[in-house]
Amino acid sequence: MGRLFLEYVTDDDVAAKYTCKCGADTASESGLLWEGFMGACTPALLFRNAVNIEPCGSERQEVLSTGRYTLLDVQCRCCRVPIGWRYITADSPDQRYKEGAYLLQQGALKRVGCGERSSGSGLSSPGLSSPGLSSPGSGGSPTSGSPLRAAHRLAPPRALAQLARLRE
């Protein structure tokens, strides 16, 4: 096996980044699109960009609570642990903002303040959802046997503002 090349999150405008439990940088807090998703029956975060992520498996079609998607499971490049999926396509026009985005399981990530080192423990980010805000889409249930399934929950105000900027 050859030498493993890892990328690093370098964003001076953000106070924190997310790493895999193994310590490899995964995403910048500034790339966080939405909090409060569910993936594999555990909370997940939607990121516009991610580093040190590679595909594991082939593309698949899946019907989630907000519509039909083409998904690609992804894993950490460093430790090879599956940590979520990438949205390839979305059939519904109001869900197209997810195309190319990464849904990463919160339990596989750790939030680290810039300048801190990752210790490998779970994510400790309070207030990942805001009561009273409902997500787009309704009803439906996952139909695939995939270990990674998604359903929308609550959208915090910061994620809604980021989504509005993306649609402009």
Protein backbone atom coordinates (compact mmCIF):
# COMPACT_ATOMS: atom_id res chain seq x y z
CA MET A 1 0.00 0.00 0.00
CA GLY A 2 1.26 3.46 -0.84
CA ARG A 3 1.59 6.52 1.29
CA LEU A 4 -1.65 7.98 2.63
CA PHE A 5 -2.16 11.64 1.72
CA LEU A 6 -4.58 13.53 3.94
CA GLU A 7 -6.07 16.96 3.39
CA TYR A 8 -6.56 19.50 6.17
CA VAL A 9 -9.38 21.92 6.90
CA THR A 10 -7.87 25.40 6.71
CA ASP A 11 -10.52 28.05 7.15
CA ASP A 12 -9.44 31.14 9.07
CA ASP A 13 -13.03 32.46 9.25
CA VAL A 14 -14.41 29.59 11.28
CA ALA A 15 -14.07 28.79 14.97
CA ALA A 16 -14.33 25.01 14.63
CA LYS A 17 -13.96 22.04 12.34
CA TYR A 18 -15.14 18.44 12.38
CA THR A 19 -12.82 15.44 12.43
CA CYS A 20 -13.36 11.71 12.18
CA LYS A 21 -12.98 9.84 15.46
CA CYS A 22 -9.55 8.73 14.20
CA GLY A 23 -8.50 12.42 14.13
CA ALA A 24 -8.48 13.02 10.36
CA ASP A 25 -9.96 16.38 9.35
CA THR A 26 -13.37 15.93 7.72
CA ALA A 27 -15.21 19.25 7.31
CA SER A 28 -15.21 22.91 8.22
CA GLU A 29 -17.96 24.38 10.36
CA SER A 30 -18.44 27.02 7.65
CA GLY A 31 -19.45 24.21 5.25
CA LEU A 32 -22.24 23.02 7.53
CA LEU A 33 -25.53 23.32 5.64
CA TRP A 34 -28.01 21.69 7.96
CA GLU A 35 -28.16 20.19 11.44
CA GLY A 36 -30.80 17.79 12.66
CA PHE A 37 -30.81 15.13 9.93
CA MET A 38 -30.96 11.44 10.75
CA GLY A 39 -28.61 8.88 9.25
CA ALA A 40 -28.55 5.17 10.14
CA CYS A 41 -30.96 5.92 13.00
CA THR A 42 -28.46 8.38 14.53
CA PRO A 43 -28.18 12.17 14.20
CA ALA A 44 -26.26 13.43 11.18
CA LEU A 45 -24.98 16.72 9.73
CA LEU A 46 -25.18 17.92 6.11
CA PHE A 47 -21.97 19.51 4.75
CA ARG A 48 -21.40 21.22 1.43
CA ASN A 49 -17.76 20.03 1.25
CA ALA A 50 -15.72 17.35 3.00
CA VAL A 51 -12.09 16.23 2.92
CA ASN A 52 -10.49 12.83 3.53
CA ILE A 53 -13.66 11.11 2.36
CA GLU A 54 -13.80 8.41 -0.29
CA PRO A 55 -16.58 6.25 -1.74
CA CYS A 56 -17.28 2.78 -0.40
CA GLY A 57 -19.59 0.87 -2.66
CA SER A 58 -21.54 1.91 -5.70
CA GLU A 59 -24.30 4.44 -6.29
CA ARG A 60 -27.76 3.38 -5.23
CA GLN A 61 -31.32 4.71 -5.53
CA GLU A 62 -33.18 5.23 -2.28
CA VAL A 63 -36.53 6.75 -1.31
CA LEU A 64 -36.21 8.84 1.84
CA SER A 65 -38.82 10.89 3.68
CA THR A 66 -38.21 13.90 1.40
CA GLY A 67 -38.05 12.12 -1.94
CA ARG A 68 -36.02 9.85 -4.19
CA TYR A 69 -32.23 10.22 -4.31
CA THR A 70 -29.15 8.67 -5.84
CA LEU A 71 -26.70 8.15 -2.95
CA LEU A 72 -23.10 7.01 -2.61
CA ASP A 73 -21.86 5.67 0.73
CA VAL A 74 -18.61 7.27 1.92
CA GLN A 75 -15.91 6.33 4.40
CA CYS A 76 -12.98 8.02 6.13
CA ARG A 77 -9.87 7.86 3.96
CA CYS A 78 -7.68 7.32 7.03
CA CYS A 79 -9.46 4.65 9.12
CA ARG A 80 -11.83 3.30 6.41
CA VAL A 81 -14.88 3.51 8.71
CA PRO A 82 -18.19 4.25 6.88
CA ILE A 83 -19.39 7.65 8.12
CA GLY A 84 -22.26 8.65 5.84
CA TRP A 85 -23.14 9.24 2.21
CA ARG A 86 -23.00 11.77 -0.58
CA TYR A 87 -26.12 12.94 -2.39
CA ILE A 88 -25.50 12.45 -6.11
CA THR A 89 -28.92 13.45 -7.46
CA ALA A 90 -32.31 14.43 -6.07
CA ASP A 91 -35.51 13.89 -8.05
CA SER A 92 -37.44 16.67 -6.32
CA PRO A 93 -36.53 20.22 -7.47
CA ASP A 94 -36.82 21.63 -3.92
CA GLN A 95 -34.26 19.07 -2.69
CA ARG A 96 -31.60 19.75 -5.35
CA TYR A 97 -29.57 21.85 -2.87
CA LYS A 98 -28.42 18.51 -1.43
CA GLU A 99 -26.77 17.36 -4.66
CA GLY A 100 -23.05 16.98 -4.09
CA ALA A 101 -23.44 17.47 -0.32
CA TYR A 102 -22.27 14.98 2.33
CA LEU A 103 -24.48 13.62 5.10
CA LEU A 104 -22.08 12.52 7.86
CA GLN A 105 -23.15 10.70 11.00
CA GLN A 106 -22.66 12.80 14.09
CA GLY A 107 -21.47 9.80 16.12
CA ALA A 108 -18.51 9.34 13.75
CA LEU A 109 -17.41 12.99 14.08
CA LYS A 110 -15.85 15.21 16.69
CA ARG A 111 -16.21 19.00 16.75
CA VAL A 112 -12.82 20.57 17.40
CA GLY A 113 -12.13 24.26 17.98
CA CYS A 114 -9.49 25.70 15.64
CA GLY A 115 -6.07 25.37 17.24
CA GLU A 116 -7.16 22.34 19.32
CA ARG A 117 -6.13 18.77 18.63
CA SER A 118 -8.64 15.98 18.18
CA SER A 119 -8.84 13.55 21.10
CA GLY A 120 -10.93 10.95 19.27
CA SER A 121 -14.07 11.18 21.43
CA GLY A 122 -17.60 11.79 20.20
CA LEU A 123 -19.09 15.04 19.00
CA SER A 124 -19.97 17.50 21.76
CA SER A 125 -22.00 20.24 20.20
CA PRO A 126 -25.01 21.37 22.24
CA GLY A 127 -28.23 22.58 20.67
CA LEU A 128 -28.12 20.79 17.33
CA SER A 129 -31.81 21.39 16.73
CA SER A 130 -34.21 24.23 17.31
CA PRO A 131 -37.72 23.42 18.49
CA GLY A 132 -40.56 24.80 16.45
CA LEU A 133 -38.85 24.69 13.06
CA SER A 134 -39.93 21.87 10.82
CA SER A 135 -38.01 20.55 7.88
CA PRO A 136 -39.13 20.48 4.28
CA GLY A 137 -40.92 17.38 3.06
CA SER A 138 -43.15 15.07 4.97
CA GLY A 139 -44.04 11.46 5.49
CA GLY A 140 -42.54 8.52 3.66
CA SER A 141 -40.22 5.86 4.91
CA PRO A 142 -36.92 4.46 3.75
CA THR A 143 -37.33 1.43 1.53
CA SER A 144 -33.76 0.32 0.97
CA GLY A 145 -31.95 -2.19 3.15
CA SER A 146 -28.96 0.16 3.39
CA PRO A 147 -27.44 0.61 6.85
CA LEU A 148 -27.48 4.36 6.25
CA ARG A 149 -30.95 5.92 6.09
CA ALA A 150 -32.01 9.55 6.28
CA ALA A 151 -35.04 11.44 7.46
CA HIS A 152 -35.35 15.15 8.13
CA ARG A 153 -35.96 16.47 11.62
CA LEU A 154 -35.58 20.06 12.75
CA ALA A 155 -33.69 22.86 11.02
CA PRO A 156 -31.81 25.41 13.16
CA PRO A 157 -31.91 29.09 12.15
CA ARG A 158 -28.23 29.14 11.07
CA ALA A 159 -28.83 26.31 8.61
CA LEU A 160 -31.88 28.07 7.18
CA ALA A 161 -29.84 31.23 6.60
CA GLN A 162 -27.09 29.21 4.87
CA LEU A 163 -29.67 27.47 2.71
CA ALA A 164 -31.18 30.82 1.68
CA ARG A 165 -27.72 32.07 0.62
CA LEU A 166 -27.17 28.95 -1.50
CA ARG A 167 -30.44 29.44 -3.34
CA GLU A 168 -29.61 33.05 -4.29
